[in-house]
Amino acid sequence: RAEPKEEKSIDLIEKNEVYGDTRHEVSVYVKVFANSPFLVCMDLALSQERIIDPNYLWIGPDGRNLQGQEYVNLTETGKLMVMGFKVSMTGAYSCTLSHKVIETTTQEEKEIVEAYKFMVYAYREADHDYQVSARFSTLHCRLKNNSFFLEALHKILSATISHLTCRITQWSHKCHSIRTPRNGLQHELFVHFRVNPFAPGWEEACQEVPYDCQDVTNRRARQAAEQIGKFFRQLRHILKKEFHIVPTIQYVDNSFSMAPIDSCQPGFGRNHHTHQNCASCCVVCDPGTYSPNNEVTCQTCASPQATEYGAKSCH
């Protein structure tokens, strides 16, 4: 992901190349543990010209010359790729391009020096919980059977999604009396909960995935929420057809709903103003800010103790 300033550069970004610009620093977003796109030590216009005796000097966020560093791929044409991007690699990457211009008539050589700056940020995709809601009809809100049913329902749903290493959190319920024009007074249980992909054992389920299994956990959470929806839709059929039971508490058809709730891992957050081109990303927190939990924003430190990117506390 990069922040294109010109229409023409979009196609080149899709080719995994991001060009510099002498007028401003170029923001680039790299997914944690992935390789960065190639950062090109020239602007788009200059890349279309012949360059005489080019020389490139790349400096990393720590002030070191990047030539020869094991974690970079530096080509002879001045392109830089940072491999296996980590949070600690976030920061300003600068390149100085020096080249010669030869006067046609006098053959006089003149050296030109141009500087390019890239601000490279680590990011993650948001983690997904799923907010799930459903309704169940009951004979009356004060029935003891309501509590027994809800307790049993919680256990059954937890068991249904356990093989996906997902769990149910923030379980809540209320009973409401509803007057309807055709059926008079009815009573319904409103059930709400979240499906979370980090049940005990989720790390072991990710062992086959190199480095980061965020895509896997997000997929598992969605599968679990969809499986619960399928269970609700089939519940009445199973009880009636398989067990010949018509229970006093029944699922209300078409009442199931699920919606993703985004969260960011500690040290990451969203900022629509600072990172407009990666607004949906969880971007590493800037120095002076921190994120201690799974909220979606980086908080500002009361005093600037947090000097590094991705701080989980101010100390």
Foldseek 3Di string as FASTA:
>chain_A
DWDDPDPVCPVVVVVLEDEFDLVDAIEFEDEAQAKHRWYAFHHPVCVVDDFAPKDKWKAFQVRDTCPPDPQWDADPRGIIMGHNDHQQRFAKMKMKIKTWDADPPPRDIDIDITMGIYGYWYWHFWFWKKKKKFKKWAPDQPDPVVVVVVVVVQVVLQVQLVVLLKHKAPWDKDKDWDQDPPPGITIMIMIIIIIFLHHPPSVVVCPVPPDDCRVSSNVSNVVSLVSVVVCLVCVQVCCCVVVVDDDNMHTDPPRIDMDIDTWAAWQWAADCVVCVVPRSIGIGAAQQWTAQGGHHHTHGDPDRQRGGTSHNDND
